[in-house]
C-alpha atoms as a PDB file:
ATOM      1  CA  MET A   1      85.120  69.243 111.045  1.00  0.00           C
ATOM      2  CA  LYS A   2      83.418  66.202 109.587  1.00  0.00           C
ATOM      3  CA  LEU A   3      81.627  68.662 107.303  1.00  0.00           C
ATOM      4  CA  ALA A   4      85.143  70.108 106.155  1.00  0.00           C
ATOM      5  CA  ASN A   5      86.757  66.302 105.267  1.00  0.00           C
ATOM      6  CA  GLU A   6      83.543  65.309 103.612  1.00  0.00           C
ATOM      7  CA  CYS A   7      84.048  68.668 101.373  1.00  0.00           C
ATOM      8  CA  LEU A   8      88.097  67.549 100.701  1.00  0.00           C
ATOM      9  CA  GLU A   9      87.140  64.400  99.745  1.00  0.00           C
ATOM     10  CA  LYS A  10      85.007  65.526  97.367  1.00  0.00           C
ATOM     11  CA  VAL A  11      86.894  68.545  95.697  1.00  0.00           C
ATOM     12  CA  LYS A  12      90.558  67.485  95.890  1.00  0.00           C
ATOM     13  CA  LYS A  13      90.790  65.786  92.334  1.00  0.00           C
ATOM     14  CA  ASP A  14      89.224  68.830  90.703  1.00  0.00           C
ATOM     15  CA  TYR A  15      91.807  70.678  93.000  1.00  0.00           C
ATOM     16  CA  PHE A  16      94.677  68.522  92.004  1.00  0.00           C
ATOM     17  CA  LYS A  17      93.653  68.912  88.414  1.00  0.00           C
ATOM     18  CA  PHE A  18      93.508  72.576  87.876  1.00  0.00           C
ATOM     19  CA  LEU A  19      97.063  72.766  90.094  1.00  0.00           C
ATOM     20  CA  LYS A  20      98.516  71.196  87.170  1.00  0.00           C
ATOM     21  CA  ARG A  21      96.662  72.599  84.676  1.00  0.00           C
ATOM     22  CA  GLU A  22      98.053  75.738  86.025  1.00  0.00           C
ATOM     23  CA  LYS A  23     101.640  74.389  86.159  1.00  0.00           C
ATOM     24  CA  ILE A  24     101.805  75.127  90.055  1.00  0.00           C
ATOM     25  CA  TYR A  25     101.781  71.472  91.042  1.00  0.00           C
ATOM     26  CA  LYS A  26     105.179  72.260  92.777  1.00  0.00           C
ATOM     27  CA  LYS A  27     104.722  71.369  96.682  1.00  0.00           C
ATOM     28  CA  SER A  28     104.613  68.314  98.211  1.00  0.00           C
ATOM     29  CA  MET A  29     101.246  66.724  97.836  1.00  0.00           C
ATOM     30  CA  LEU A  30     100.349  66.821 101.776  1.00  0.00           C
ATOM     31  CA  LYS A  31     101.493  70.675 101.702  1.00  0.00           C
ATOM     32  CA  HIS A  32      98.549  70.937  98.679  1.00  0.00           C
ATOM     33  CA  ILE A  33      96.483  69.454 100.519  1.00  0.00           C
ATOM     34  CA  LYS A  34      97.009  71.305 104.110  1.00  0.00           C
ATOM     35  CA  HIS A  35      96.265  74.149 102.101  1.00  0.00           C
ATOM     36  CA  LEU A  36      93.063  72.902 100.768  1.00  0.00           C
ATOM     37  CA  LYS A  37      91.456  71.973 104.239  1.00  0.00           C
ATOM     38  CA  GLU A  38      92.896  74.802 106.568  1.00  0.00           C
ATOM     39  CA  ILE A  39      92.790  77.643 103.840  1.00  0.00           C
ATOM     40  CA  TYR A  40      90.433  77.387 100.947  1.00  0.00           C
ATOM     41  CA  ILE A  41      87.836  75.263 102.299  1.00  0.00           C
ATOM     42  CA  PRO A  42      87.111  77.644 105.131  1.00  0.00           C
ATOM     43  CA  ILE A  43      87.000  80.658 102.839  1.00  0.00           C
ATOM     44  CA  ALA A  44      84.310  78.505 100.773  1.00  0.00           C
ATOM     45  CA  PHE A  45      82.130  77.584 103.634  1.00  0.00           C
ATOM     46  CA  TRP A  46      82.019  80.979 104.892  1.00  0.00           C
ATOM     47  CA  ILE A  47      81.285  82.474 101.700  1.00  0.00           C
ATOM     48  CA  ASN A  48      78.824  79.601 101.134  1.00  0.00           C
ATOM     49  CA  LYS A  49      77.194  80.780 104.639  1.00  0.00           C
ATOM     50  CA  LYS A  50      76.682  84.409 103.581  1.00  0.00           C
ATOM     51  CA  PHE A  51      74.985  83.304 100.226  1.00  0.00           C
ATOM     52  CA  GLU A  52      72.755  81.199 102.466  1.00  0.00           C
ATOM     53  CA  ILE A  53      71.905  84.708 104.898  1.00  0.00           C
ATOM     54  CA  LYS A  54      71.470  86.660 101.864  1.00  0.00           C
ATOM     55  CA  LYS A  55      69.589  84.213  99.375  1.00  0.00           C
ATOM     56  CA  LYS A  56      70.331  86.555  96.825  1.00  0.00           C
ATOM     57  CA  THR A  57      73.493  86.465  94.200  1.00  0.00           C
ATOM     58  CA  LEU A  58      76.418  88.021  96.916  1.00  0.00           C
ATOM     59  CA  LEU A  59      78.812  89.848  95.457  1.00  0.00           C
ATOM     60  CA  ILE A  60      82.529  89.442  97.025  1.00  0.00           C
ATOM     61  CA  GLY A  61      85.462  91.585  96.033  1.00  0.00           C
ATOM     62  CA  LEU A  62      88.878  90.031  96.195  1.00  0.00           C
ATOM     63  CA  SER A  63      91.977  92.585  96.565  1.00  0.00           C
ATOM     64  CA  ALA A  64      95.443  91.558  96.090  1.00  0.00           C
ATOM     65  CA  SER A  65      98.340  93.187  94.969  1.00  0.00           C
ATOM     66  CA  GLN A  66      99.772  92.680  91.326  1.00  0.00           C
ATOM     67  CA  GLY A  67     101.083  89.084  90.777  1.00  0.00           C
ATOM     68  CA  SER A  68      99.648  87.959  94.086  1.00  0.00           C
ATOM     69  CA  GLY A  69      97.586  85.278  93.116  1.00  0.00           C
ATOM     70  CA  LYS A  70      94.123  86.587  93.666  1.00  0.00           C
ATOM     71  CA  THR A  71      93.180  84.588  90.222  1.00  0.00           C
ATOM     72  CA  THR A  72      94.337  81.495  91.547  1.00  0.00           C
ATOM     73  CA  VAL A  73      92.672  82.090  94.988  1.00  0.00           C
ATOM     74  CA  ALA A  74      89.690  82.840  92.821  1.00  0.00           C
ATOM     75  CA  SER A  75      89.687  79.639  91.210  1.00  0.00           C
ATOM     76  CA  ILE A  76      89.902  77.318  93.641  1.00  0.00           C
ATOM     77  CA  LEU A  77      87.283  79.057  95.753  1.00  0.00           C
ATOM     78  CA  LYS A  78      85.117  78.520  92.673  1.00  0.00           C
ATOM     79  CA  ILE A  79      86.157  74.859  92.480  1.00  0.00           C
ATOM     80  CA  ILE A  80      85.166  74.294  95.989  1.00  0.00           C
ATOM     81  CA  LEU A  81      81.951  76.318  95.915  1.00  0.00           C
ATOM     82  CA  LYS A  82      80.894  74.733  91.983  1.00  0.00           C
ATOM     83  CA  VAL A  83      81.854  71.013  93.522  1.00  0.00           C
ATOM     84  CA  PHE A  84      81.050  70.449  96.788  1.00  0.00           C
ATOM     85  CA  PHE A  85      77.675  73.319  97.438  1.00  0.00           C
ATOM     86  CA  LYS A  86      76.451  72.852  93.945  1.00  0.00           C
ATOM     87  CA  ARG A  87      76.481  76.558  93.636  1.00  0.00           C
ATOM     88  CA  ASN A  88      76.784  78.630  90.121  1.00  0.00           C
ATOM     89  CA  VAL A  89      79.829  80.532  90.578  1.00  0.00           C
ATOM     90  CA  PHE A  90      81.105  83.638  88.269  1.00  0.00           C
ATOM     91  CA  VAL A  91      84.582  84.622  88.765  1.00  0.00           C
ATOM     92  CA  ILE A  92      86.115  87.937  86.634  1.00  0.00           C
ATOM     93  CA  SER A  93      88.496  90.175  87.021  1.00  0.00           C
ATOM     94  CA  ILE A  94      88.420  93.910  87.022  1.00  0.00           C
ATOM     95  CA  ASP A  95      90.951  94.037  84.030  1.00  0.00           C
ATOM     96  CA  ASP A  96      88.415  92.642  82.022  1.00  0.00           C
ATOM     97  CA  PHE A  97      86.616  95.967  82.160  1.00  0.00           C
ATOM     98  CA  TYR A  98      89.965  97.972  81.103  1.00  0.00           C
ATOM     99  CA  LYS A  99      88.821 100.573  78.725  1.00  0.00           C
ATOM    100  CA  THR A 100      90.285 100.142  74.895  1.00  0.00           C
ATOM    101  CA  LEU A 101      93.571 100.313  73.907  1.00  0.00           C
ATOM    102  CA  SER A 102      92.189 103.573  71.681  1.00  0.00           C
ATOM    103  CA  LYS A 103      90.280 104.653  74.589  1.00  0.00           C
ATOM    104  CA  ARG A 104      93.264 104.793  76.575  1.00  0.00           C
ATOM    105  CA  ASN A 105      95.310 106.530  73.802  1.00  0.00           C
ATOM    106  CA  GLU A 106      92.971 109.122  73.811  1.00  0.00           C
ATOM    107  CA  MET A 107      93.165 109.476  77.595  1.00  0.00           C
ATOM    108  CA  ALA A 108      96.738 109.970  77.097  1.00  0.00           C
ATOM    109  CA  LYS A 109      96.620 112.971  74.807  1.00  0.00           C
ATOM    110  CA  THR A 110      93.842 114.807  76.626  1.00  0.00           C
ATOM    111  CA  LYS A 111      94.311 114.052  80.241  1.00  0.00           C
ATOM    112  CA  HIS A 112      97.574 112.889  80.598  1.00  0.00           C
ATOM    113  CA  HIS A 113     100.368 110.711  79.168  1.00  0.00           C
ATOM    114  CA  LEU A 114     100.683 108.349  82.060  1.00  0.00           C
ATOM    115  CA  PHE A 115      97.185 107.038  81.136  1.00  0.00           C
ATOM    116  CA  ILE A 116      98.617 104.927  78.125  1.00  0.00           C
ATOM    117  CA  LYS A 117      99.113 102.557  80.666  1.00  0.00           C
ATOM    118  CA  ARG A 118      96.217 100.602  82.070  1.00  0.00           C
ATOM    119  CA  GLY A 119      95.913  99.830  85.546  1.00  0.00           C
ATOM    120  CA  VAL A 120      94.783 102.861  87.655  1.00  0.00           C
ATOM    121  CA  PRO A 121      91.383 103.685  88.318  1.00  0.00           C
ATOM    122  CA  GLY A 122      90.290 106.376  84.952  1.00  0.00           C
ATOM    123  CA  THR A 123      91.368 103.204  82.879  1.00  0.00           C
ATOM    124  CA  HIS A 124      88.485 100.889  83.616  1.00  0.00           C
ATOM    125  CA  ASP A 125      85.014 101.474  81.968  1.00  0.00           C
ATOM    126  CA  THR A 126      82.960 101.677  85.049  1.00  0.00           C
ATOM    127  CA  HIS A 127      79.842 102.089  83.523  1.00  0.00           C
ATOM    128  CA  LEU A 128      79.828  98.516  82.808  1.00  0.00           C
ATOM    129  CA  ILE A 129      80.774  97.199  85.953  1.00  0.00           C
ATOM    130  CA  LYS A 130      77.761  99.342  87.568  1.00  0.00           C
ATOM    131  CA  ASN A 131      75.393  98.133  84.899  1.00  0.00           C
ATOM    132  CA  PHE A 132      76.534  94.344  85.797  1.00  0.00           C
ATOM    133  CA  PHE A 133      76.278  95.035  89.232  1.00  0.00           C
ATOM    134  CA  ILE A 134      72.855  96.456  88.500  1.00  0.00           C
ATOM    135  CA  SER A 135      71.797  93.784  86.633  1.00  0.00           C
ATOM    136  CA  LEU A 136      72.879  90.973  88.766  1.00  0.00           C
ATOM    137  CA  LYS A 137      70.625  92.687  91.962  1.00  0.00           C
ATOM    138  CA  LYS A 138      67.434  92.216  89.307  1.00  0.00           C
ATOM    139  CA  LYS A 139      64.678  90.039  89.943  1.00  0.00           C
ATOM    140  CA  LYS A 140      64.090  89.337  86.286  1.00  0.00           C
ATOM    141  CA  PHE A 141      67.502  88.186  85.356  1.00  0.00           C
ATOM    142  CA  LYS A 142      68.480  88.871  81.373  1.00  0.00           C
ATOM    143  CA  LYS A 143      71.621  87.524  79.640  1.00  0.00           C
ATOM    144  CA  ILE A 144      74.575  89.344  80.546  1.00  0.00           C
ATOM    145  CA  ILE A 145      77.642  89.870  77.728  1.00  0.00           C
ATOM    146  CA  LEU A 146      81.139  90.872  79.537  1.00  0.00           C
ATOM    147  CA  PRO A 147      84.511  91.864  77.410  1.00  0.00           C
ATOM    148  CA  LYS A 148      87.521  90.011  78.416  1.00  0.00           C
ATOM    149  CA  PHE A 149      90.624  91.288  78.499  1.00  0.00           C
ATOM    150  CA  ASP A 150      94.073  90.095  76.637  1.00  0.00           C
ATOM    151  CA  LYS A 151      96.969  91.469  78.293  1.00  0.00           C
ATOM    152  CA  SER A 152      99.443  90.116  75.627  1.00  0.00           C
ATOM    153  CA  LEU A 153      97.428  92.534  73.483  1.00  0.00           C
ATOM    154  CA  ASP A 154      96.754  95.530  75.725  1.00  0.00           C
ATOM    155  CA  ASP A 155      93.222  95.666  74.323  1.00  0.00           C
ATOM    156  CA  ARG A 156      89.988  93.869  74.447  1.00  0.00           C
ATOM    157  CA  LEU A 157      89.228  90.768  72.512  1.00  0.00           C
ATOM    158  CA  LYS A 158      86.809  90.499  69.960  1.00  0.00           C
ATOM    159  CA  THR A 159      83.519  90.650  71.183  1.00  0.00           C
ATOM    160  CA  LYS A 160      82.498  87.152  69.937  1.00  0.00           C
ATOM    161  CA  LYS A 161      84.969  86.092  72.649  1.00  0.00           C
ATOM    162  CA  TRP A 162      83.608  88.202  75.562  1.00  0.00           C
ATOM    163  CA  TYR A 163      81.639  86.138  78.449  1.00  0.00           C
ATOM    164  CA  SER A 164      78.191  85.286  78.006  1.00  0.00           C
ATOM    165  CA  ILE A 165      76.240  84.779  81.475  1.00  0.00           C
ATOM    166  CA  LYS A 166      72.964  82.969  80.772  1.00  0.00           C
ATOM    167  CA  LYS A 167      71.992  82.244  83.903  1.00  0.00           C
ATOM    168  CA  LYS A 168      71.947  84.098  87.132  1.00  0.00           C
ATOM    169  CA  PRO A 169      74.876  83.596  89.350  1.00  0.00           C
ATOM    170  CA  GLU A 170      74.643  82.620  92.858  1.00  0.00           C
ATOM    171  CA  ILE A 171      78.178  83.776  94.003  1.00  0.00           C
ATOM    172  CA  VAL A 172      80.090  86.565  91.929  1.00  0.00           C
ATOM    173  CA  ILE A 173      83.593  87.152  92.491  1.00  0.00           C
ATOM    174  CA  LEU A 174      84.901  90.493  91.211  1.00  0.00           C
ATOM    175  CA  GLU A 175      89.118  90.171  91.788  1.00  0.00           C
ATOM    176  CA  GLY A 176      91.896  92.825  91.329  1.00  0.00           C
ATOM    177  CA  TRP A 177      94.184  94.552  92.561  1.00  0.00           C
ATOM    178  CA  CYS A 178      92.423  97.983  93.205  1.00  0.00           C
ATOM    179  CA  VAL A 179      88.919  96.187  94.405  1.00  0.00           C
ATOM    180  CA  GLY A 180      87.986  98.145  97.351  1.00  0.00           C
ATOM    181  CA  ALA A 181      90.568 101.254  97.169  1.00  0.00           C
ATOM    182  CA  LYS A 182      89.791 104.523  98.347  1.00  0.00           C
ATOM    183  CA  ALA A 183      91.189 107.643  97.753  1.00  0.00           C
ATOM    184  CA  GLU A 184      93.207 109.668  99.612  1.00  0.00           C
ATOM    185  CA  ASN A 185      93.635 113.311 101.205  1.00  0.00           C
ATOM    186  CA  THR A 186      94.400 115.328  98.612  1.00  0.00           C
ATOM    187  CA  SER A 187      97.030 117.057 100.865  1.00  0.00           C
ATOM    188  CA  SER A 188      98.888 113.519 101.013  1.00  0.00           C
ATOM    189  CA  LEU A 189      98.726 113.260  96.861  1.00  0.00           C
ATOM    190  CA  ARG A 190     101.788 115.914  96.923  1.00  0.00           C
ATOM    191  CA  LYS A 191     104.706 114.075  98.146  1.00  0.00           C
ATOM    192  CA  PRO A 192     105.645 111.570  95.078  1.00  0.00           C
ATOM    193  CA  ILE A 193     106.352 108.042  96.356  1.00  0.00           C
ATOM    194  CA  ASN A 194     108.301 107.222  93.530  1.00  0.00           C
ATOM    195  CA  SER A 195     110.599 108.347  90.397  1.00  0.00           C
ATOM    196  CA  LEU A 196     107.876 107.944  88.110  1.00  0.00           C
ATOM    197  CA  GLU A 197     105.149 110.733  89.984  1.00  0.00           C
ATOM    198  CA  LYS A 198     108.371 112.790  90.921  1.00  0.00           C
ATOM    199  CA  ASN A 199     109.353 113.065  87.233  1.00  0.00           C
ATOM    200  CA  GLU A 200     106.184 112.678  84.824  1.00  0.00           C
ATOM    201  CA  ASP A 201     103.372 113.798  87.367  1.00  0.00           C
ATOM    202  CA  GLN A 202     105.233 117.082  88.833  1.00  0.00           C
ATOM    203  CA  ASN A 203     101.809 119.063  88.427  1.00  0.00           C
ATOM    204  CA  LEU A 204      99.865 116.544  90.166  1.00  0.00           C
ATOM    205  CA  VAL A 205      97.595 116.289  87.275  1.00  0.00           C
ATOM    206  CA  TRP A 206      97.719 112.059  86.879  1.00  0.00           C
ATOM    207  CA  ARG A 207      97.532 111.699  90.844  1.00  0.00           C
ATOM    208  CA  LYS A 208      94.791 113.956  91.041  1.00  0.00           C
ATOM    209  CA  PHE A 209      92.578 112.273  88.519  1.00  0.00           C
ATOM    210  CA  VAL A 210      92.752 108.707  89.447  1.00  0.00           C
ATOM    211  CA  ASN A 211      92.050 110.048  93.007  1.00  0.00           C
ATOM    212  CA  LYS A 212      88.997 111.625  92.343  1.00  0.00           C
ATOM    213  CA  LYS A 213      87.979 108.870  90.142  1.00  0.00           C
ATOM    214  CA  LEU A 214      88.665 106.947  93.630  1.00  0.00           C
ATOM    215  CA  LYS A 215      86.099 109.055  95.694  1.00  0.00           C
ATOM    216  CA  LYS A 216      83.545 109.284  93.100  1.00  0.00           C
ATOM    217  CA  GLU A 217      82.955 106.821  90.124  1.00  0.00           C
ATOM    218  CA  TYR A 218      84.498 103.916  92.208  1.00  0.00           C
ATOM    219  CA  LYS A 219      83.492 104.818  95.801  1.00  0.00           C
ATOM    220  CA  LYS A 220      79.734 104.024  94.126  1.00  0.00           C
ATOM    221  CA  ILE A 221      81.184 100.721  92.595  1.00  0.00           C
ATOM    222  CA  PHE A 222      83.253  98.979  95.774  1.00  0.00           C
ATOM    223  CA  SER A 223      79.520  99.714  98.093  1.00  0.00           C
ATOM    224  CA  MET A 224      77.486  97.626  95.743  1.00  0.00           C
ATOM    225  CA  ILE A 225      79.869  94.844  97.034  1.00  0.00           C
ATOM    226  CA  ASP A 226      78.799  92.779  99.617  1.00  0.00           C
ATOM    227  CA  TYR A 227      82.080  91.362 101.511  1.00  0.00           C
ATOM    228  CA  TYR A 228      85.712  92.082 100.625  1.00  0.00           C
ATOM    229  CA  MET A 229      88.580  89.521 100.891  1.00  0.00           C
ATOM    230  CA  PHE A 230      91.873  90.969 101.293  1.00  0.00           C
ATOM    231  CA  MET A 231      95.462  88.974 100.592  1.00  0.00           C
ATOM    232  CA  LYS A 232      98.069  90.878 102.092  1.00  0.00           C
ATOM    233  CA  VAL A 233     101.168  91.082 100.807  1.00  0.00           C
ATOM    234  CA  PRO A 234     104.525  91.522 103.557  1.00  0.00           C
ATOM    235  CA  ASN A 235     105.796  94.587 101.593  1.00  0.00           C
ATOM    236  CA  PHE A 236     105.834  96.468  98.568  1.00  0.00           C
ATOM    237  CA  LYS A 237     109.282  94.977  97.363  1.00  0.00           C
ATOM    238  CA  MET A 238     107.687  91.715  96.881  1.00  0.00           C
ATOM    239  CA  VAL A 239     105.234  93.022  94.338  1.00  0.00           C
ATOM    240  CA  LEU A 240     108.281  93.483  91.673  1.00  0.00           C
ATOM    241  CA  LYS A 241     109.319  89.839  91.948  1.00  0.00           C
ATOM    242  CA  TRP A 242     105.434  88.317  92.063  1.00  0.00           C
ATOM    243  CA  ARG A 243     104.854  90.537  88.940  1.00  0.00           C
ATOM    244  CA  MET A 244     108.000  88.908  87.278  1.00  0.00           C
ATOM    245  CA  LEU A 245     106.764  85.750  87.937  1.00  0.00           C
ATOM    246  CA  GLN A 246     103.817  86.456  86.518  1.00  0.00           C
ATOM    247  CA  GLU A 247     104.957  87.923  83.382  1.00  0.00           C
ATOM    248  CA  THR A 248     106.932  84.756  82.439  1.00  0.00           C
ATOM    249  CA  LYS A 249     104.125  82.718  83.213  1.00  0.00           C
ATOM    250  CA  LEU A 250     102.171  85.067  80.500  1.00  0.00           C
ATOM    251  CA  LYS A 251     104.971  84.457  78.287  1.00  0.00           C
ATOM    252  CA  HIS A 252     104.927  80.821  78.021  1.00  0.00           C
ATOM    253  CA  LYS A 253     100.902  80.668  77.468  1.00  0.00           C
ATOM    254  CA  SER A 254     100.585  83.552  75.208  1.00  0.00           C
ATOM    255  CA  TYR A 255     101.464  83.353  71.094  1.00  0.00           C
ATOM    256  CA  TYR A 256     102.282  87.346  71.459  1.00  0.00           C
ATOM    257  CA  ASN A 257     105.289  86.995  72.902  1.00  0.00           C
ATOM    258  CA  LYS A 258     106.772  90.522  71.721  1.00  0.00           C
ATOM    259  CA  LYS A 259     104.416  92.160  73.428  1.00  0.00           C
ATOM    260  CA  ILE A 260     105.165  90.570  77.186  1.00  0.00           C
ATOM    261  CA  MET A 261     107.320  93.269  79.593  1.00  0.00           C
ATOM    262  CA  SER A 262     110.664  93.361  79.957  1.00  0.00           C
ATOM    263  CA  LEU A 263     112.191  93.515  83.701  1.00  0.00           C
ATOM    264  CA  ASN A 264     113.125  97.622  83.194  1.00  0.00           C
ATOM    265  CA  GLU A 265     109.338  97.951  81.893  1.00  0.00           C
ATOM    266  CA  ILE A 266     108.120  95.716  84.838  1.00  0.00           C
ATOM    267  CA  LYS A 267     110.090  97.818  87.246  1.00  0.00           C
ATOM    268  CA  ARG A 268     108.149 100.941  85.820  1.00  0.00           C
ATOM    269  CA  PHE A 269     104.879  99.308  85.495  1.00  0.00           C
ATOM    270  CA  ILE A 270     104.546  98.614  88.987  1.00  0.00           C
ATOM    271  CA  MET A 271     105.032 102.323  89.774  1.00  0.00           C
ATOM    272  CA  PHE A 272     101.796 102.932  88.303  1.00  0.00           C
ATOM    273  CA  TYR A 273     100.155 101.112  91.063  1.00  0.00           C
ATOM    274  CA  GLN A 274     102.465 101.710  94.251  1.00  0.00           C
ATOM    275  CA  ARG A 275     100.523 104.785  95.842  1.00  0.00           C
ATOM    276  CA  ILE A 276      97.294 103.075  95.830  1.00  0.00           C
ATOM    277  CA  THR A 277      98.585  99.316  96.777  1.00  0.00           C
ATOM    278  CA  VAL A 278     100.400 101.086 100.071  1.00  0.00           C
ATOM    279  CA  GLN A 279      96.912 102.614 100.876  1.00  0.00           C
ATOM    280  CA  MET A 280      94.958  99.601 100.415  1.00  0.00           C
ATOM    281  CA  ILE A 281      97.392  97.295 102.748  1.00  0.00           C
ATOM    282  CA  LYS A 282      96.532  99.847 105.398  1.00  0.00           C
ATOM    283  CA  ASP A 283      92.739 100.294 104.555  1.00  0.00           C
ATOM    284  CA  LEU A 284      91.580  97.151 103.944  1.00  0.00           C
ATOM    285  CA  SER A 285      93.615  95.564 106.380  1.00  0.00           C
ATOM    286  CA  LYS A 286      91.220  97.087 108.771  1.00  0.00           C
ATOM    287  CA  SER A 287      87.607  96.841 106.416  1.00  0.00           C
ATOM    288  CA  ALA A 288      88.066  93.758 104.867  1.00  0.00           C
ATOM    289  CA  SER A 289      86.263  90.778 106.364  1.00  0.00           C
ATOM    290  CA  VAL A 290      88.969  87.953 105.353  1.00  0.00           C
ATOM    291  CA  ILE A 291      92.106  88.798 105.352  1.00  0.00           C
ATOM    292  CA  MET A 292      95.065  86.322 104.105  1.00  0.00           C
ATOM    293  CA  LEU A 293      98.494  86.893 104.850  1.00  0.00           C
ATOM    294  CA  LEU A 294     100.775  85.881 103.050  1.00  0.00           C
ATOM    295  CA  LYS A 295     104.525  84.857 103.237  1.00  0.00           C
ATOM    296  CA  LYS A 296     107.356  85.775 101.169  1.00  0.00           C
ATOM    297  CA  ASN A 297     107.706  82.251  99.305  1.00  0.00           C
ATOM    298  CA  HIS A 298     103.730  83.673  97.966  1.00  0.00           C
ATOM    299  CA  GLU A 299     102.022  81.122 100.206  1.00  0.00           C
ATOM    300  CA  ILE A 300      99.195  82.155 102.508  1.00  0.00           C
ATOM    301  CA  LYS A 301     100.314  81.320 106.317  1.00  0.00           C
ATOM    302  CA  LYS A 302      97.230  82.578 108.023  1.00  0.00           C
ATOM    303  CA  VAL A 303      93.496  83.523 107.684  1.00  0.00           C
ATOM    304  CA  MET A 304      91.403  85.629 109.555  1.00  0.00           C
ATOM    305  CA  PHE A 305      88.065  85.971 109.682  1.00  0.00           C
ATOM    306  CA  LYS A 306      86.001  89.161 111.113  1.00  0.00           C
END
């Protein structure tokens, strides 16, 4: 308890700076302090303990549905781990590993037209992720260059703007909506889960291809992750609401507003993710080491450790 209070005093200044910068400084100061003390600090202590046990680069997977706040959570955990525990932490989104727009255009022509839309397994460069993880496990560390993806451009940024990791991180957090997703039984793919699958994937080509990727390439990558943290949404209906808020936030940040999605585009967009998101709620609720239960107002109401 004493150590947790010391942590609180040491990190709260940087915590509030972050909230203000990200325009999420809306609740009372006491409520923000309560969240920091009761949610984020205990998780950071748990992560640090796991690192101390392993004594090598710790790989954490942070999974959550579209617009649920996983990037915010990852950023706050990084602040605590860096400021209080003095850990070298690197946070990256699986979104940064999306294939280029030209590659996805090619997939849309040769595999299925739905692959033009980023997001589902098959649209990431899994070789880059795998090589990144392998590099972290090597005794002799060499500088790592990793891509950055701009959602407003729907494409990677130029190489000069990519991540450059010059020192081996002690803790790496890979966050993303499908991190830790598992393949389904082929038989369960037959029944469409929404109008997108029903009308645009009648022959199950898209669904089967995505599922195959999960079964093989993604399974290998996800097995390299040490521990999973899962932010559990109340239900899938909340994904649309939260994704709309996320898009509004992106609009205020971006210089490329013409690329920001409309309401109807967002409704269609989340259909691409629905099947895997629903399945992940079932799977990761059982397998994740840390589960954050979310309320409808976006707040984390409870954290469970396994």
